Amino acid sequence: SSNYVSEGGRLVYSTCTLNKQENEEIAQRFLREHPGFQKGSLPPSLANLPLAEENMVTILPGQMNSDGFFIAVFEKVVSI
């Protein structure tokens, strides 16, 4: 799906698991393998959660009235 993101556009990766191998490790690998993307910013409602870091957040079961989730945000770099 990264091929269909416009320059300056955002790509969101989300899972319904708390597994670091499926979450943080995949997000970090995506950035290494896709130099046309950079870390995006989380919306304020997610950025203030306890387990939020730069462009990703883990939502624990019970937080935000939900099950556990992982969300990472990436932005496609604008070419000059």
PDB file of N, CA and C in Angstrom:
ATOM      1  N   SER A   1       0.815  -1.202   0.000  1.00  0.00           N
ATOM      2  CA  SER A   1       0.000   0.000   0.000  1.00  0.00           C
ATOM      3  C   SER A   1       0.858   1.266   0.000  1.00  0.00           C
ATOM      4  N   SER A   2       2.125   1.135   0.397  1.00  0.00           N
ATOM      5  CA  SER A   2       2.990   2.326   0.429  1.00  0.00           C
ATOM      6  C   SER A   2       3.176   2.924  -0.964  1.00  0.00           C
ATOM      7  N   ASN A   3       3.014   2.129  -2.002  1.00  0.00           N
ATOM      8  CA  ASN A   3       3.152   2.630  -3.378  1.00  0.00           C
ATOM      9  C   ASN A   3       2.044   3.608  -3.758  1.00  0.00           C
ATOM     10  N   TYR A   4       0.946   3.599  -3.042  1.00  0.00           N
ATOM     11  CA  TYR A   4      -0.211   4.420  -3.391  1.00  0.00           C
ATOM     12  C   TYR A   4      -0.334   5.685  -2.548  1.00  0.00           C
ATOM     13  N   VAL A   5       0.638   5.946  -1.693  1.00  0.00           N
ATOM     14  CA  VAL A   5       0.605   7.143  -0.842  1.00  0.00           C
ATOM     15  C   VAL A   5       1.201   8.316  -1.620  1.00  0.00           C
ATOM     16  N   SER A   6       0.478   9.421  -1.658  1.00  0.00           N
ATOM     17  CA  SER A   6       0.963  10.630  -2.333  1.00  0.00           C
ATOM     18  C   SER A   6       2.062  11.282  -1.507  1.00  0.00           C
ATOM     19  N   GLU A   7       2.918  12.073  -2.154  1.00  0.00           N
ATOM     20  CA  GLU A   7       3.953  12.814  -1.435  1.00  0.00           C
ATOM     21  C   GLU A   7       3.288  13.676  -0.361  1.00  0.00           C
ATOM     22  N   GLY A   8       3.822  13.626   0.838  1.00  0.00           N
ATOM     23  CA  GLY A   8       3.253  14.363   1.956  1.00  0.00           C
ATOM     24  C   GLY A   8       2.096  13.628   2.620  1.00  0.00           C
ATOM     25  N   GLY A   9       1.683  12.508   2.020  1.00  0.00           N
ATOM     26  CA  GLY A   9       0.575  11.725   2.569  1.00  0.00           C
ATOM     27  C   GLY A   9       1.011  10.873   3.748  1.00  0.00           C
ATOM     28  N   ARG A  10       0.040  10.317   4.431  1.00  0.00           N
ATOM     29  CA  ARG A  10       0.309   9.514   5.624  1.00  0.00           C
ATOM     30  C   ARG A  10      -0.112   8.073   5.401  1.00  0.00           C
ATOM     31  N   LEU A  11       0.640   7.196   6.012  1.00  0.00           N
ATOM     32  CA  LEU A  11       0.349   5.766   6.003  1.00  0.00           C
ATOM     33  C   LEU A  11       0.257   5.334   7.455  1.00  0.00           C
ATOM     34  N   VAL A  12      -0.809   4.629   7.805  1.00  0.00           N
ATOM     35  CA  VAL A  12      -1.009   4.166   9.176  1.00  0.00           C
ATOM     36  C   VAL A  12      -0.958   2.645   9.192  1.00  0.00           C
ATOM     37  N   TYR A  13      -0.121   2.120  10.073  1.00  0.00           N
ATOM     38  CA  TYR A  13      -0.004   0.673  10.293  1.00  0.00           C
ATOM     39  C   TYR A  13      -0.612   0.387  11.648  1.00  0.00           C
ATOM     40  N   SER A  14      -1.551  -0.549  11.701  1.00  0.00           N
ATOM     41  CA  SER A  14      -2.228  -0.841  12.957  1.00  0.00           C
ATOM     42  C   SER A  14      -2.468  -2.337  13.087  1.00  0.00           C
ATOM     43  N   THR A  15      -2.306  -2.843  14.305  1.00  0.00           N
ATOM     44  CA  THR A  15      -2.612  -4.243  14.585  1.00  0.00           C
ATOM     45  C   THR A  15      -3.446  -4.311  15.855  1.00  0.00           C
ATOM     46  N   CYS A  16      -4.074  -5.450  16.047  1.00  0.00           N
ATOM     47  CA  CYS A  16      -4.853  -5.661  17.272  1.00  0.00           C
ATOM     48  C   CYS A  16      -4.120  -6.665  18.159  1.00  0.00           C
ATOM     49  N   THR A  17      -2.813  -6.493  18.247  1.00  0.00           N
ATOM     50  CA  THR A  17      -1.978  -7.350  19.078  1.00  0.00           C
ATOM     51  C   THR A  17      -1.008  -6.484  19.877  1.00  0.00           C
ATOM     52  N   LEU A  18      -0.420  -7.054  20.906  1.00  0.00           N
ATOM     53  CA  LEU A  18       0.574  -6.338  21.711  1.00  0.00           C
ATOM     54  C   LEU A  18       1.964  -6.938  21.511  1.00  0.00           C
ATOM     55  N   ASN A  19       2.152  -7.702  20.455  1.00  0.00           N
ATOM     56  CA  ASN A  19       3.394  -8.402  20.164  1.00  0.00           C
ATOM     57  C   ASN A  19       4.413  -7.447  19.527  1.00  0.00           C
ATOM     58  N   LYS A  20       5.538  -7.200  20.201  1.00  0.00           N
ATOM     59  CA  LYS A  20       6.561  -6.265  19.695  1.00  0.00           C
ATOM     60  C   LYS A  20       7.104  -6.681  18.332  1.00  0.00           C
ATOM     61  N   GLN A  21       7.202  -7.985  18.074  1.00  0.00           N
ATOM     62  CA  GLN A  21       7.708  -8.443  16.773  1.00  0.00           C
ATOM     63  C   GLN A  21       6.762  -8.063  15.644  1.00  0.00           C
ATOM     64  N   GLU A  22       5.485  -8.044  15.920  1.00  0.00           N
ATOM     65  CA  GLU A  22       4.500  -7.691  14.901  1.00  0.00           C
ATOM     66  C   GLU A  22       4.238  -6.188  14.854  1.00  0.00           C
ATOM     67  N   ASN A  23       4.696  -5.485  15.857  1.00  0.00           N
ATOM     68  CA  ASN A  23       4.406  -4.060  15.963  1.00  0.00           C
ATOM     69  C   ASN A  23       5.647  -3.190  15.768  1.00  0.00           C
ATOM     70  N   GLU A  24       6.347  -2.899  16.843  1.00  0.00           N
ATOM     71  CA  GLU A  24       7.497  -2.000  16.772  1.00  0.00           C
ATOM     72  C   GLU A  24       8.561  -2.477  15.788  1.00  0.00           C
ATOM     73  N   GLU A  25       8.829  -3.775  15.787  1.00  0.00           N
ATOM     74  CA  GLU A  25       9.874  -4.286  14.890  1.00  0.00           C
ATOM     75  C   GLU A  25       9.474  -4.136  13.424  1.00  0.00           C
ATOM     76  N   ILE A  26       8.217  -4.365  13.093  1.00  0.00           N
ATOM     77  CA  ILE A  26       7.743  -4.180  11.715  1.00  0.00           C
ATOM     78  C   ILE A  26       7.801  -2.700  11.340  1.00  0.00           C
ATOM     79  N   ALA A  27       7.391  -1.817  12.256  1.00  0.00           N
ATOM     80  CA  ALA A  27       7.410  -0.373  11.978  1.00  0.00           C
ATOM     81  C   ALA A  27       8.839   0.120  11.732  1.00  0.00           C
ATOM     82  N   GLN A  28       9.775  -0.338  12.548  1.00  0.00           N
ATOM     83  CA  GLN A  28      11.170   0.064  12.370  1.00  0.00           C
ATOM     84  C   GLN A  28      11.741  -0.502  11.071  1.00  0.00           C
ATOM     85  N   ARG A  29      11.400  -1.734  10.753  1.00  0.00           N
ATOM     86  CA  ARG A  29      11.874  -2.343   9.501  1.00  0.00           C
ATOM     87  C   ARG A  29      11.306  -1.608   8.297  1.00  0.00           C
ATOM     88  N   PHE A  30      10.035  -1.198   8.374  1.00  0.00           N
ATOM     89  CA  PHE A  30       9.426  -0.456   7.271  1.00  0.00           C
ATOM     90  C   PHE A  30      10.232   0.800   6.970  1.00  0.00           C
ATOM     91  N   LEU A  31      10.604   1.546   8.009  1.00  0.00           N
ATOM     92  CA  LEU A  31      11.382   2.773   7.793  1.00  0.00           C
ATOM     93  C   LEU A  31      12.761   2.481   7.200  1.00  0.00           C
ATOM     94  N   ARG A  32      13.387   1.411   7.653  1.00  0.00           N
ATOM     95  CA  ARG A  32      14.709   1.043   7.095  1.00  0.00           C
ATOM     96  C   ARG A  32      14.602   0.684   5.612  1.00  0.00           C
ATOM     97  N   GLU A  33      13.542  -0.005   5.231  1.00  0.00           N
ATOM     98  CA  GLU A  33      13.398  -0.510   3.867  1.00  0.00           C
ATOM     99  C   GLU A  33      12.693   0.466   2.923  1.00  0.00           C
ATOM    100  N   HIS A  34      12.147   1.551   3.448  1.00  0.00           N
ATOM    101  CA  HIS A  34      11.430   2.528   2.628  1.00  0.00           C
ATOM    102  C   HIS A  34      11.960   3.937   2.928  1.00  0.00           C
ATOM    103  N   PRO A  35      13.106   4.294   2.349  1.00  0.00           N
ATOM    104  CA  PRO A  35      13.712   5.591   2.641  1.00  0.00           C
ATOM    105  C   PRO A  35      12.847   6.778   2.204  1.00  0.00           C
ATOM    106  N   GLY A  36      11.830   6.546   1.410  1.00  0.00           N
ATOM    107  CA  GLY A  36      10.923   7.615   0.998  1.00  0.00           C
ATOM    108  C   GLY A  36       9.909   7.976   2.068  1.00  0.00           C
ATOM    109  N   PHE A  37       9.984   7.313   3.209  1.00  0.00           N
ATOM    110  CA  PHE A  37       9.070   7.585   4.314  1.00  0.00           C
ATOM    111  C   PHE A  37       9.844   8.016   5.545  1.00  0.00           C
ATOM    112  N   GLN A  38       9.179   8.781   6.387  1.00  0.00           N
ATOM    113  CA  GLN A  38       9.749   9.195   7.671  1.00  0.00           C
ATOM    114  C   GLN A  38       8.684   8.988   8.743  1.00  0.00           C
ATOM    115  N   LYS A  39       9.077   9.150   9.991  1.00  0.00           N
ATOM    116  CA  LYS A  39       8.120   9.029  11.078  1.00  0.00           C
ATOM    117  C   LYS A  39       7.101  10.152  10.974  1.00  0.00           C
ATOM    118  N   GLY A  40       5.835   9.788  11.071  1.00  0.00           N
ATOM    119  CA  GLY A  40       4.770  10.787  11.091  1.00  0.00           C
ATOM    120  C   GLY A  40       4.446  11.141  12.529  1.00  0.00           C
ATOM    121  N   SER A  41       3.458  11.982  12.733  1.00  0.00           N
ATOM    122  CA  SER A  41       3.085  12.332  14.103  1.00  0.00           C
ATOM    123  C   SER A  41       1.720  11.752  14.442  1.00  0.00           C
ATOM    124  N   LEU A  42       1.623  11.323  15.678  1.00  0.00           N
ATOM    125  CA  LEU A  42       0.362  10.798  16.190  1.00  0.00           C
ATOM    126  C   LEU A  42      -0.592  11.948  16.461  1.00  0.00           C
ATOM    127  N   PRO A  43      -1.892  11.709  16.341  1.00  0.00           N
ATOM    128  CA  PRO A  43      -2.834  12.757  16.745  1.00  0.00           C
ATOM    129  C   PRO A  43      -2.731  12.984  18.252  1.00  0.00           C
ATOM    130  N   PRO A  44      -3.043  14.189  18.727  1.00  0.00           N
ATOM    131  CA  PRO A  44      -2.911  14.500  20.155  1.00  0.00           C
ATOM    132  C   PRO A  44      -3.633  13.512  21.071  1.00  0.00           C
ATOM    133  N   SER A  45      -4.766  12.984  20.646  1.00  0.00           N
ATOM    134  CA  SER A  45      -5.515  12.053  21.494  1.00  0.00           C
ATOM    135  C   SER A  45      -4.744  10.767  21.752  1.00  0.00           C
ATOM    136  N   LEU A  46      -3.792  10.425  20.881  1.00  0.00           N
ATOM    137  CA  LEU A  46      -2.969   9.222  21.063  1.00  0.00           C
ATOM    138  C   LEU A  46      -1.585   9.565  21.593  1.00  0.00           C
ATOM    139  N   ALA A  47      -1.068  10.725  21.224  1.00  0.00           N
ATOM    140  CA  ALA A  47       0.301  11.108  21.601  1.00  0.00           C
ATOM    141  C   ALA A  47       0.472  11.258  23.105  1.00  0.00           C
ATOM    142  N   ASN A  48      -0.612  11.480  23.825  1.00  0.00           N
ATOM    143  CA  ASN A  48      -0.521  11.686  25.266  1.00  0.00           C
ATOM    144  C   ASN A  48      -0.724  10.415  26.082  1.00  0.00           C
ATOM    145  N   LEU A  49      -0.907   9.282  25.413  1.00  0.00           N
ATOM    146  CA  LEU A  49      -1.066   8.022  26.142  1.00  0.00           C
ATOM    147  C   LEU A  49       0.274   7.585  26.726  1.00  0.00           C
ATOM    148  N   PRO A  50       0.260   6.812  27.820  1.00  0.00           N
ATOM    149  CA  PRO A  50       1.501   6.416  28.501  1.00  0.00           C
ATOM    150  C   PRO A  50       2.527   5.697  27.621  1.00  0.00           C
ATOM    151  N   LEU A  51       2.103   4.862  26.696  1.00  0.00           N
ATOM    152  CA  LEU A  51       3.062   4.097  25.893  1.00  0.00           C
ATOM    153  C   LEU A  51       3.289   4.681  24.498  1.00  0.00           C
ATOM    154  N   ALA A  52       3.071   5.981  24.344  1.00  0.00           N
ATOM    155  CA  ALA A  52       3.291   6.638  23.052  1.00  0.00           C
ATOM    156  C   ALA A  52       4.746   7.036  22.907  1.00  0.00           C
ATOM    157  N   GLU A  53       5.297   6.817  21.699  1.00  0.00           N
ATOM    158  CA  GLU A  53       6.647   7.255  21.340  1.00  0.00           C
ATOM    159  C   GLU A  53       6.575   7.847  19.950  1.00  0.00           C
ATOM    160  N   GLU A  54       7.148   8.961  19.745  1.00  0.00           N
ATOM    161  CA  GLU A  54       7.211   9.639  18.447  1.00  0.00           C
ATOM    162  C   GLU A  54       6.041   9.311  17.537  1.00  0.00           C
ATOM    163  N   ASN A  55       6.217   8.296  16.674  1.00  0.00           N
ATOM    164  CA  ASN A  55       5.204   7.995  15.659  1.00  0.00           C
ATOM    165  C   ASN A  55       4.395   6.746  15.953  1.00  0.00           C
ATOM    166  N   MET A  56       4.546   6.150  17.142  1.00  0.00           N
ATOM    167  CA  MET A  56       3.797   4.933  17.420  1.00  0.00           C
ATOM    168  C   MET A  56       3.299   4.883  18.859  1.00  0.00           C
ATOM    169  N   VAL A  57       2.234   4.108  19.033  1.00  0.00           N
ATOM    170  CA  VAL A  57       1.635   3.982  20.359  1.00  0.00           C
ATOM    171  C   VAL A  57       1.075   2.571  20.536  1.00  0.00           C
ATOM    172  N   THR A  58       1.212   2.067  21.737  1.00  0.00           N
ATOM    173  CA  THR A  58       0.573   0.815  22.110  1.00  0.00           C
ATOM    174  C   THR A  58      -0.560   1.169  23.062  1.00  0.00           C
ATOM    175  N   ILE A  59      -1.761   0.723  22.715  1.00  0.00           N
ATOM    176  CA  ILE A  59      -2.934   0.961  23.547  1.00  0.00           C
ATOM    177  C   ILE A  59      -3.241  -0.348  24.267  1.00  0.00           C
ATOM    178  N   LEU A  60      -3.162  -0.308  25.575  1.00  0.00           N
ATOM    179  CA  LEU A  60      -3.386  -1.506  26.371  1.00  0.00           C
ATOM    180  C   LEU A  60      -4.880  -1.787  26.526  1.00  0.00           C
ATOM    181  N   PRO A  61      -5.241  -3.061  26.729  1.00  0.00           N
ATOM    182  CA  PRO A  61      -6.652  -3.380  26.952  1.00  0.00           C
ATOM    183  C   PRO A  61      -7.203  -2.536  28.102  1.00  0.00           C
ATOM    184  N   GLY A  62      -8.362  -1.969  27.892  1.00  0.00           N
ATOM    185  CA  GLY A  62      -8.986  -1.126  28.903  1.00  0.00           C
ATOM    186  C   GLY A  62      -8.751   0.356  28.689  1.00  0.00           C
ATOM    187  N   GLN A  63      -7.660   0.725  27.992  1.00  0.00           N
ATOM    188  CA  GLN A  63      -7.428   2.136  27.683  1.00  0.00           C
ATOM    189  C   GLN A  63      -8.350   2.522  26.536  1.00  0.00           C
ATOM    190  N   MET A  64      -8.881   3.692  26.580  1.00  0.00           N
ATOM    191  CA  MET A  64      -9.743   4.232  25.533  1.00  0.00           C
ATOM    192  C   MET A  64     -10.937   3.318  25.253  1.00  0.00           C
ATOM    193  N   ASN A  65     -11.362   2.573  26.285  1.00  0.00           N
ATOM    194  CA  ASN A  65     -12.523   1.701  26.160  1.00  0.00           C
ATOM    195  C   ASN A  65     -12.374   0.725  24.986  1.00  0.00           C
ATOM    196  N   SER A  66     -11.193   0.099  24.880  1.00  0.00           N
ATOM    197  CA  SER A  66     -10.921  -0.787  23.747  1.00  0.00           C
ATOM    198  C   SER A  66     -10.095  -1.991  24.181  1.00  0.00           C
ATOM    199  N   ASP A  67      -9.865  -2.875  23.223  1.00  0.00           N
ATOM    200  CA  ASP A  67      -8.929  -3.979  23.410  1.00  0.00           C
ATOM    201  C   ASP A  67      -7.531  -3.432  23.147  1.00  0.00           C
ATOM    202  N   GLY A  68      -6.512  -4.269  23.170  1.00  0.00           N
ATOM    203  CA  GLY A  68      -5.156  -3.822  22.885  1.00  0.00           C
ATOM    204  C   GLY A  68      -4.952  -3.546  21.408  1.00  0.00           C
ATOM    205  N   PHE A  69      -4.223  -2.478  21.098  1.00  0.00           N
ATOM    206  CA  PHE A  69      -3.930  -2.101  19.719  1.00  0.00           C
ATOM    207  C   PHE A  69      -2.526  -1.511  19.631  1.00  0.00           C
ATOM    208  N   PHE A  70      -1.995  -1.505  18.423  1.00  0.00           N
ATOM    209  CA  PHE A  70      -0.742  -0.818  18.116  1.00  0.00           C
ATOM    210  C   PHE A  70      -1.009   0.031  16.889  1.00  0.00           C
ATOM    211  N   ILE A  71      -0.476   1.255  16.897  1.00  0.00           N
ATOM    212  CA  ILE A  71      -0.640   2.164  15.756  1.00  0.00           C
ATOM    213  C   ILE A  71       0.699   2.854  15.497  1.00  0.00           C
ATOM    214  N   ALA A  72       1.101   2.876  14.227  1.00  0.00           N
ATOM    215  CA  ALA A  72       2.293   3.617  13.801  1.00  0.00           C
ATOM    216  C   ALA A  72       1.914   4.496  12.613  1.00  0.00           C
ATOM    217  N   VAL A  73       2.466   5.705  12.590  1.00  0.00           N
ATOM    218  CA  VAL A  73       2.152   6.657  11.526  1.00  0.00           C
ATOM    219  C   VAL A  73       3.437   7.008  10.777  1.00  0.00           C
ATOM    220  N   PHE A  74       3.360   6.956   9.443  1.00  0.00           N
ATOM    221  CA  PHE A  74       4.485   7.294   8.576  1.00  0.00           C
ATOM    222  C   PHE A  74       4.030   8.367   7.588  1.00  0.00           C
ATOM    223  N   GLU A  75       4.968   9.199   7.169  1.00  0.00           N
ATOM    224  CA  GLU A  75       4.692  10.234   6.163  1.00  0.00           C
ATOM    225  C   GLU A  75       5.603  10.030   4.969  1.00  0.00           C
ATOM    226  N   LYS A  76       5.026  10.154   3.778  1.00  0.00           N
ATOM    227  CA  LYS A  76       5.847  10.054   2.572  1.00  0.00           C
ATOM    228  C   LYS A  76       6.561  11.381   2.365  1.00  0.00           C
ATOM    229  N   VAL A  77       7.862  11.301   2.185  1.00  0.00           N
ATOM    230  CA  VAL A  77       8.702  12.493   2.026  1.00  0.00           C
ATOM    231  C   VAL A  77       8.353  13.208   0.713  1.00  0.00           C
ATOM    232  N   VAL A  78       8.313  14.521   0.771  1.00  0.00           N
ATOM    233  CA  VAL A  78       8.046  15.331  -0.414  1.00  0.00           C
ATOM    234  C   VAL A  78       9.359  15.567  -1.139  1.00  0.00           C
ATOM    235  N   SER A  79       9.395  15.226  -2.420  1.00  0.00           N
ATOM    236  CA  SER A  79      10.602  15.462  -3.229  1.00  0.00           C
ATOM    237  C   SER A  79      10.691  16.932  -3.602  1.00  0.00           C
ATOM    238  N   ILE A  80      11.925  17.443  -3.633  1.00  0.00           N
ATOM    239  CA  ILE A  80      12.117  18.859  -4.011  1.00  0.00           C
ATOM    240  C   ILE A  80      12.650  18.939  -5.411  1.00  0.00           C
TER     241      ILE A  80
END
